[in-house]
PDB file of all heavy atoms in Angstrom:
ATOM      1  N   LEU A   1     -15.759   3.756   5.545  1.00  0.00           N
ATOM      2  CA  LEU A   1     -16.124   4.195   6.895  1.00  0.00           C
ATOM      3  C   LEU A   1     -15.543   3.255   7.951  1.00  0.00           C
ATOM      4  O   LEU A   1     -15.016   3.709   8.979  1.00  0.00           O
ATOM      5  CB  LEU A   1     -17.643   4.280   7.037  1.00  0.00           C
ATOM      6  CG  LEU A   1     -18.311   5.443   6.312  1.00  0.00           C
ATOM      7  CD1 LEU A   1     -19.839   5.314   6.376  1.00  0.00           C
ATOM      8  CD2 LEU A   1     -17.863   6.771   6.894  1.00  0.00           C
ATOM      9  N   LEU A   2     -15.626   1.956   7.703  1.00  0.00           N
ATOM     10  CA  LEU A   2     -15.040   0.998   8.643  1.00  0.00           C
ATOM     11  C   LEU A   2     -13.523   1.128   8.679  1.00  0.00           C
ATOM     12  O   LEU A   2     -12.913   1.042   9.750  1.00  0.00           O
ATOM     13  CB  LEU A   2     -15.439  -0.424   8.274  1.00  0.00           C
ATOM     14  CG  LEU A   2     -16.873  -0.812   8.597  1.00  0.00           C
ATOM     15  CD1 LEU A   2     -17.165  -2.223   8.114  1.00  0.00           C
ATOM     16  CD2 LEU A   2     -17.157  -0.683  10.060  1.00  0.00           C
ATOM     17  N   LEU A   3     -12.917   1.329   7.536  1.00  0.00           N
ATOM     18  CA  LEU A   3     -11.470   1.519   7.489  1.00  0.00           C
ATOM     19  C   LEU A   3     -11.065   2.767   8.261  1.00  0.00           C
ATOM     20  O   LEU A   3     -10.090   2.756   9.023  1.00  0.00           O
ATOM     21  CB  LEU A   3     -10.987   1.603   6.036  1.00  0.00           C
ATOM     22  CG  LEU A   3      -9.485   1.756   5.843  1.00  0.00           C
ATOM     23  CD1 LEU A   3      -8.758   0.492   6.315  1.00  0.00           C
ATOM     24  CD2 LEU A   3      -9.168   2.025   4.380  1.00  0.00           C
ATOM     25  N   ALA A   4     -11.830   3.847   8.100  1.00  0.00           N
ATOM     26  CA  ALA A   4     -11.533   5.085   8.822  1.00  0.00           C
ATOM     27  C   ALA A   4     -11.662   4.870  10.327  1.00  0.00           C
ATOM     28  O   ALA A   4     -10.824   5.352  11.104  1.00  0.00           O
ATOM     29  CB  ALA A   4     -12.474   6.196   8.364  1.00  0.00           C
ATOM     30  N   GLN A   5     -12.692   4.134  10.754  1.00  0.00           N
ATOM     31  CA  GLN A   5     -12.855   3.862  12.176  1.00  0.00           C
ATOM     32  C   GLN A   5     -11.677   3.054  12.702  1.00  0.00           C
ATOM     33  O   GLN A   5     -11.167   3.312  13.794  1.00  0.00           O
ATOM     34  CB  GLN A   5     -14.161   3.113  12.436  1.00  0.00           C
ATOM     35  CG  GLN A   5     -14.412   2.866  13.902  1.00  0.00           C
ATOM     36  CD  GLN A   5     -14.888   1.476  14.217  1.00  0.00           C
ATOM     37  OE1 GLN A   5     -15.162   0.692  13.327  1.00  0.00           O
ATOM     38  NE2 GLN A   5     -14.969   1.174  15.493  1.00  0.00           N
ATOM     39  N   MET A   6     -11.219   2.094  11.917  1.00  0.00           N
ATOM     40  CA  MET A   6     -10.090   1.267  12.350  1.00  0.00           C
ATOM     41  C   MET A   6      -8.800   2.089  12.439  1.00  0.00           C
ATOM     42  O   MET A   6      -8.037   1.958  13.403  1.00  0.00           O
ATOM     43  CB  MET A   6      -9.909   0.088  11.402  1.00  0.00           C
ATOM     44  CG  MET A   6     -11.075  -0.884  11.455  1.00  0.00           C
ATOM     45  SD  MET A   6     -10.899  -2.180  10.274  1.00  0.00           S
ATOM     46  CE  MET A   6     -10.115  -3.398  11.308  1.00  0.00           C
ATOM     47  N   VAL A   7      -8.557   2.915  11.459  1.00  0.00           N
ATOM     48  CA  VAL A   7      -7.337   3.737  11.455  1.00  0.00           C
ATOM     49  C   VAL A   7      -7.359   4.713  12.625  1.00  0.00           C
ATOM     50  O   VAL A   7      -6.372   4.842  13.363  1.00  0.00           O
ATOM     51  CB  VAL A   7      -7.191   4.475  10.104  1.00  0.00           C
ATOM     52  CG1 VAL A   7      -6.128   5.553  10.173  1.00  0.00           C
ATOM     53  CG2 VAL A   7      -6.882   3.486   8.995  1.00  0.00           C
ATOM     54  N   VAL A   8      -8.492   5.384  12.825  1.00  0.00           N
ATOM     55  CA  VAL A   8      -8.605   6.351  13.922  1.00  0.00           C
ATOM     56  C   VAL A   8      -8.469   5.649  15.267  1.00  0.00           C
ATOM     57  O   VAL A   8      -7.801   6.150  16.182  1.00  0.00           O
ATOM     58  CB  VAL A   8      -9.945   7.124  13.832  1.00  0.00           C
ATOM     59  CG1 VAL A   8     -10.223   7.902  15.096  1.00  0.00           C
ATOM     60  CG2 VAL A   8      -9.932   8.056  12.630  1.00  0.00           C
ATOM     61  N   GLY A   9      -9.070   4.460  15.385  1.00  0.00           N
ATOM     62  CA  GLY A   9      -8.984   3.714  16.640  1.00  0.00           C
ATOM     63  C   GLY A   9      -7.580   3.231  16.950  1.00  0.00           C
ATOM     64  O   GLY A   9      -7.121   3.328  18.084  1.00  0.00           O
ATOM     65  N   HIS A  10      -6.885   2.720  15.957  1.00  0.00           N
ATOM     66  CA  HIS A  10      -5.548   2.177  16.192  1.00  0.00           C
ATOM     67  C   HIS A  10      -4.473   3.260  16.323  1.00  0.00           C
ATOM     68  O   HIS A  10      -3.529   3.102  17.091  1.00  0.00           O
ATOM     69  CB  HIS A  10      -5.164   1.192  15.085  1.00  0.00           C
ATOM     70  CG  HIS A  10      -5.807  -0.142  15.245  1.00  0.00           C
ATOM     71  ND1 HIS A  10      -5.494  -1.006  16.262  1.00  0.00           N
ATOM     72  CD2 HIS A  10      -6.780  -0.755  14.517  1.00  0.00           C
ATOM     73  CE1 HIS A  10      -6.225  -2.098  16.165  1.00  0.00           C
ATOM     74  NE2 HIS A  10      -7.019  -1.965  15.112  1.00  0.00           N
ATOM     75  N   LEU A  11      -4.600   4.306  15.557  1.00  0.00           N
ATOM     76  CA  LEU A  11      -3.603   5.379  15.637  1.00  0.00           C
ATOM     77  C   LEU A  11      -3.912   6.382  16.746  1.00  0.00           C
ATOM     78  O   LEU A  11      -3.152   7.330  16.940  1.00  0.00           O
ATOM     79  CB  LEU A  11      -3.491   6.103  14.293  1.00  0.00           C
ATOM     80  CG  LEU A  11      -2.998   5.254  13.112  1.00  0.00           C
ATOM     81  CD1 LEU A  11      -2.943   6.086  11.845  1.00  0.00           C
ATOM     82  CD2 LEU A  11      -1.637   4.651  13.421  1.00  0.00           C
ATOM     83  N   LYS A  12      -5.043   6.183  17.422  1.00  0.00           N
ATOM     84  CA  LYS A  12      -5.464   7.044  18.549  1.00  0.00           C
ATOM     85  C   LYS A  12      -5.495   8.512  18.140  1.00  0.00           C
ATOM     86  O   LYS A  12      -5.018   9.380  18.864  1.00  0.00           O
ATOM     87  CB  LYS A  12      -4.570   6.804  19.751  1.00  0.00           C
ATOM     88  CG  LYS A  12      -4.657   5.379  20.243  1.00  0.00           C
ATOM     89  CD  LYS A  12      -3.721   5.113  21.376  1.00  0.00           C
ATOM     90  CE  LYS A  12      -3.866   3.638  21.730  1.00  0.00           C
ATOM     91  NZ  LYS A  12      -2.733   3.070  22.343  1.00  0.00           N
ATOM     92  N   LEU A  13      -6.069   8.761  16.962  1.00  0.00           N
ATOM     93  CA  LEU A  13      -6.199  10.134  16.480  1.00  0.00           C
ATOM     94  C   LEU A  13      -7.275  10.890  17.251  1.00  0.00           C
ATOM     95  O   LEU A  13      -7.224  12.113  17.341  1.00  0.00           O
ATOM     96  CB  LEU A  13      -6.519  10.134  14.987  1.00  0.00           C
ATOM     97  CG  LEU A  13      -5.460   9.485  14.087  1.00  0.00           C
ATOM     98  CD1 LEU A  13      -5.949   9.435  12.647  1.00  0.00           C
ATOM     99  CD2 LEU A  13      -4.142  10.232  14.182  1.00  0.00           C
ATOM    100  N   LEU A  14      -8.250  10.165  17.773  1.00  0.00           N
ATOM    101  CA  LEU A  14      -9.299  10.739  18.617  1.00  0.00           C
ATOM    102  C   LEU A  14      -9.368   9.920  19.904  1.00  0.00           C
ATOM    103  O   LEU A  14      -9.004   8.742  19.914  1.00  0.00           O
ATOM    104  CB  LEU A  14     -10.660  10.689  17.902  1.00  0.00           C
ATOM    105  CG  LEU A  14     -10.817  11.572  16.671  1.00  0.00           C
ATOM    106  CD1 LEU A  14     -12.148  11.292  15.983  1.00  0.00           C
ATOM    107  CD2 LEU A  14     -10.744  13.042  17.049  1.00  0.00           C
ATOM    108  N   PRO A  15      -9.856  10.517  20.994  1.00  0.00           N
ATOM    109  CA  PRO A  15      -9.969   9.749  22.240  1.00  0.00           C
ATOM    110  C   PRO A  15     -10.924   8.556  22.069  1.00  0.00           C
ATOM    111  O   PRO A  15     -11.830   8.576  21.241  1.00  0.00           O
ATOM    112  CB  PRO A  15     -10.552  10.759  23.243  1.00  0.00           C
ATOM    113  CG  PRO A  15     -10.495  12.083  22.590  1.00  0.00           C
ATOM    114  CD  PRO A  15     -10.273  11.891  21.136  1.00  0.00           C
ATOM    115  N   HIS A  16     -10.714   7.517  22.887  1.00  0.00           N
ATOM    116  CA  HIS A  16     -11.522   6.300  22.779  1.00  0.00           C
ATOM    117  C   HIS A  16     -12.980   6.529  23.159  1.00  0.00           C
ATOM    118  O   HIS A  16     -13.832   5.719  22.798  1.00  0.00           O
ATOM    119  CB  HIS A  16     -10.920   5.171  23.631  1.00  0.00           C
ATOM    120  CG  HIS A  16      -9.713   4.561  23.006  1.00  0.00           C
ATOM    121  ND1 HIS A  16      -9.762   3.832  21.850  1.00  0.00           N
ATOM    122  CD2 HIS A  16      -8.406   4.602  23.363  1.00  0.00           C
ATOM    123  CE1 HIS A  16      -8.546   3.435  21.518  1.00  0.00           C
ATOM    124  NE2 HIS A  16      -7.704   3.892  22.423  1.00  0.00           N
ATOM    125  N   ASP A  17     -13.274   7.610  23.875  1.00  0.00           N
ATOM    126  CA  ASP A  17     -14.682   7.871  24.174  1.00  0.00           C
ATOM    127  C   ASP A  17     -15.412   8.460  22.964  1.00  0.00           C
ATOM    128  O   ASP A  17     -16.632   8.508  22.936  1.00  0.00           O
ATOM    129  CB  ASP A  17     -14.830   8.781  25.396  1.00  0.00           C
ATOM    130  CG  ASP A  17     -14.161  10.138  25.209  1.00  0.00           C
ATOM    131  OD1 ASP A  17     -13.278  10.250  24.339  1.00  0.00           O
ATOM    132  OD2 ASP A  17     -14.525  11.072  25.950  1.00  0.00           O
ATOM    133  N   GLN A  18     -14.678   8.875  21.939  1.00  0.00           N
ATOM    134  CA  GLN A  18     -15.307   9.352  20.710  1.00  0.00           C
ATOM    135  C   GLN A  18     -15.348   8.265  19.638  1.00  0.00           C
ATOM    136  O   GLN A  18     -16.342   8.137  18.933  1.00  0.00           O
ATOM    137  CB  GLN A  18     -14.585  10.585  20.170  1.00  0.00           C
ATOM    138  CG  GLN A  18     -14.889  11.834  20.944  1.00  0.00           C
ATOM    139  CD  GLN A  18     -14.361  13.060  20.229  1.00  0.00           C
ATOM    140  OE1 GLN A  18     -13.431  12.979  19.427  1.00  0.00           O
ATOM    141  NE2 GLN A  18     -14.958  14.206  20.522  1.00  0.00           N
ATOM    142  N   VAL A  19     -14.260   7.537  19.474  1.00  0.00           N
ATOM    143  CA  VAL A  19     -14.207   6.453  18.487  1.00  0.00           C
ATOM    144  C   VAL A  19     -13.620   5.218  19.159  1.00  0.00           C
ATOM    145  O   VAL A  19     -12.453   5.203  19.542  1.00  0.00           O
ATOM    146  CB  VAL A  19     -13.362   6.835  17.251  1.00  0.00           C
ATOM    147  CG1 VAL A  19     -13.267   5.669  16.281  1.00  0.00           C
ATOM    148  CG2 VAL A  19     -13.947   8.037  16.555  1.00  0.00           C
ATOM    149  N   ALA A  20     -14.459   4.192  19.295  1.00  0.00           N
ATOM    150  CA  ALA A  20     -14.049   2.963  19.971  1.00  0.00           C
ATOM    151  C   ALA A  20     -13.128   2.140  19.081  1.00  0.00           C
ATOM    152  O   ALA A  20     -13.101   2.300  17.858  1.00  0.00           O
ATOM    153  CB  ALA A  20     -15.286   2.140  20.323  1.00  0.00           C
ATOM    154  N   MET A  21     -12.406   1.243  19.721  1.00  0.00           N
ATOM    155  CA  MET A  21     -11.588   0.284  18.973  1.00  0.00           C
ATOM    156  C   MET A  21     -12.520  -0.623  18.174  1.00  0.00           C
ATOM    157  O   MET A  21     -13.643  -0.900  18.594  1.00  0.00           O
ATOM    158  CB  MET A  21     -10.739  -0.551  19.932  1.00  0.00           C
ATOM    159  CG  MET A  21      -9.590   0.225  20.550  1.00  0.00           C
ATOM    160  SD  MET A  21      -8.395   0.818  19.350  1.00  0.00           S
ATOM    161  CE  MET A  21      -7.596  -0.696  18.902  1.00  0.00           C
ATOM    162  N   PRO A  22     -12.072  -1.108  17.039  1.00  0.00           N
ATOM    163  CA  PRO A  22     -12.945  -1.943  16.199  1.00  0.00           C
ATOM    164  C   PRO A  22     -13.241  -3.298  16.840  1.00  0.00           C
ATOM    165  O   PRO A  22     -12.463  -3.811  17.641  1.00  0.00           O
ATOM    166  CB  PRO A  22     -12.149  -2.132  14.916  1.00  0.00           C
ATOM    167  CG  PRO A  22     -10.840  -1.516  15.119  1.00  0.00           C
ATOM    168  CD  PRO A  22     -10.800  -0.834  16.431  1.00  0.00           C
ATOM    169  N   TYR A  23     -14.379  -3.845  16.466  1.00  0.00           N
ATOM    170  CA  TYR A  23     -14.729  -5.206  16.867  1.00  0.00           C
ATOM    171  C   TYR A  23     -13.920  -6.179  16.019  1.00  0.00           C
ATOM    172  O   TYR A  23     -13.402  -5.827  14.959  1.00  0.00           O
ATOM    173  CB  TYR A  23     -16.226  -5.460  16.661  1.00  0.00           C
ATOM    174  CG  TYR A  23     -17.096  -4.702  17.638  1.00  0.00           C
ATOM    175  CD1 TYR A  23     -17.741  -3.530  17.263  1.00  0.00           C
ATOM    176  CD2 TYR A  23     -17.289  -5.177  18.933  1.00  0.00           C
ATOM    177  CE1 TYR A  23     -18.542  -2.844  18.148  1.00  0.00           C
ATOM    178  CE2 TYR A  23     -18.091  -4.486  19.829  1.00  0.00           C
ATOM    179  CZ  TYR A  23     -18.713  -3.318  19.434  1.00  0.00           C
ATOM    180  OH  TYR A  23     -19.504  -2.646  20.320  1.00  0.00           O
ATOM    181  N   GLN A  24     -13.848  -7.432  16.448  1.00  0.00           N
ATOM    182  CA  GLN A  24     -13.038  -8.435  15.757  1.00  0.00           C
ATOM    183  C   GLN A  24     -13.534  -8.732  14.344  1.00  0.00           C
ATOM    184  O   GLN A  24     -12.747  -9.030  13.457  1.00  0.00           O
ATOM    185  CB  GLN A  24     -12.996  -9.730  16.575  1.00  0.00           C
ATOM    186  CG  GLN A  24     -12.234  -9.596  17.873  1.00  0.00           C
ATOM    187  CD  GLN A  24     -10.780  -9.217  17.645  1.00  0.00           C
ATOM    188  OE1 GLN A  24     -10.112  -9.788  16.793  1.00  0.00           O
ATOM    189  NE2 GLN A  24     -10.295  -8.243  18.387  1.00  0.00           N
ATOM    190  N   TRP A  25     -14.827  -8.655  14.105  1.00  0.00           N
ATOM    191  CA  TRP A  25     -15.375  -9.008  12.793  1.00  0.00           C
ATOM    192  C   TRP A  25     -14.982  -7.996  11.721  1.00  0.00           C
ATOM    193  O   TRP A  25     -15.041  -8.310  10.528  1.00  0.00           O
ATOM    194  CB  TRP A  25     -16.896  -9.148  12.847  1.00  0.00           C
ATOM    195  CG  TRP A  25     -17.624  -7.875  13.120  1.00  0.00           C
ATOM    196  CD1 TRP A  25     -17.987  -7.384  14.338  1.00  0.00           C
ATOM    197  CD2 TRP A  25     -18.081  -6.918  12.160  1.00  0.00           C
ATOM    198  NE1 TRP A  25     -18.635  -6.195  14.199  1.00  0.00           N
ATOM    199  CE2 TRP A  25     -18.712  -5.882  12.867  1.00  0.00           C
ATOM    200  CE3 TRP A  25     -18.022  -6.838  10.775  1.00  0.00           C
ATOM    201  CZ2 TRP A  25     -19.277  -4.778  12.242  1.00  0.00           C
ATOM    202  CZ3 TRP A  25     -18.590  -5.736  10.141  1.00  0.00           C
ATOM    203  CH2 TRP A  25     -19.207  -4.732  10.880  1.00  0.00           C
ATOM    204  N   GLU A  26     -14.601  -6.811  12.134  1.00  0.00           N
ATOM    205  CA  GLU A  26     -14.281  -5.767  11.160  1.00  0.00           C
ATOM    206  C   GLU A  26     -12.993  -6.066  10.392  1.00  0.00           C
ATOM    207  O   GLU A  26     -12.836  -5.625   9.252  1.00  0.00           O
ATOM    208  CB  GLU A  26     -14.183  -4.404  11.848  1.00  0.00           C
ATOM    209  CG  GLU A  26     -15.516  -3.948  12.428  1.00  0.00           C
ATOM    210  CD  GLU A  26     -15.409  -2.625  13.142  1.00  0.00           C
ATOM    211  OE1 GLU A  26     -15.013  -1.633  12.480  1.00  0.00           O
ATOM    212  OE2 GLU A  26     -15.693  -2.577  14.353  1.00  0.00           O
ATOM    213  N   TYR A  27     -12.084  -6.798  11.003  1.00  0.00           N
ATOM    214  CA  TYR A  27     -10.812  -7.103  10.334  1.00  0.00           C
ATOM    215  C   TYR A  27     -11.007  -8.012   9.114  1.00  0.00           C
ATOM    216  O   TYR A  27     -10.529  -7.674   8.028  1.00  0.00           O
ATOM    217  CB  TYR A  27      -9.816  -7.703  11.330  1.00  0.00           C
ATOM    218  CG  TYR A  27      -9.464  -6.742  12.450  1.00  0.00           C
ATOM    219  CD1 TYR A  27     -10.000  -6.915  13.715  1.00  0.00           C
ATOM    220  CD2 TYR A  27      -8.629  -5.659  12.224  1.00  0.00           C
ATOM    221  CE1 TYR A  27      -9.692  -6.031  14.745  1.00  0.00           C
ATOM    222  CE2 TYR A  27      -8.320  -4.765  13.235  1.00  0.00           C
ATOM    223  CZ  TYR A  27      -8.856  -4.959  14.492  1.00  0.00           C
ATOM    224  OH  TYR A  27      -8.558  -4.083  15.500  1.00  0.00           O
ATOM    225  N   PRO A  28     -11.692  -9.150   9.251  1.00  0.00           N
ATOM    226  CA  PRO A  28     -11.899  -9.956   8.030  1.00  0.00           C
ATOM    227  C   PRO A  28     -12.834  -9.280   7.029  1.00  0.00           C
ATOM    228  O   PRO A  28     -12.743  -9.539   5.832  1.00  0.00           O
ATOM    229  CB  PRO A  28     -12.488 -11.276   8.538  1.00  0.00           C
ATOM    230  CG  PRO A  28     -12.954 -11.015   9.903  1.00  0.00           C
ATOM    231  CD  PRO A  28     -12.151  -9.870  10.442  1.00  0.00           C
ATOM    232  N   TYR A  29     -13.697  -8.386   7.522  1.00  0.00           N
ATOM    233  CA  TYR A  29     -14.599  -7.690   6.601  1.00  0.00           C
ATOM    234  C   TYR A  29     -13.819  -6.779   5.644  1.00  0.00           C
ATOM    235  O   TYR A  29     -14.295  -6.484   4.549  1.00  0.00           O
ATOM    236  CB  TYR A  29     -15.648  -6.881   7.365  1.00  0.00           C
ATOM    237  CG  TYR A  29     -16.685  -6.265   6.455  1.00  0.00           C
ATOM    238  CD1 TYR A  29     -17.709  -7.037   5.925  1.00  0.00           C
ATOM    239  CD2 TYR A  29     -16.614  -4.933   6.094  1.00  0.00           C
ATOM    240  CE1 TYR A  29     -18.650  -6.489   5.072  1.00  0.00           C
ATOM    241  CE2 TYR A  29     -17.543  -4.367   5.242  1.00  0.00           C
ATOM    242  CZ  TYR A  29     -18.556  -5.151   4.731  1.00  0.00           C
ATOM    243  OH  TYR A  29     -19.478  -4.609   3.866  1.00  0.00           O
TER     244      TYR A  29
END
């Protein structure tokens, strides 16, 4: 789920008002 949020956020597959960019802690997680 976190990976999907990161991919959707970075590839801008959905608008940012639907899926926010990931927080910094998500990358090392």
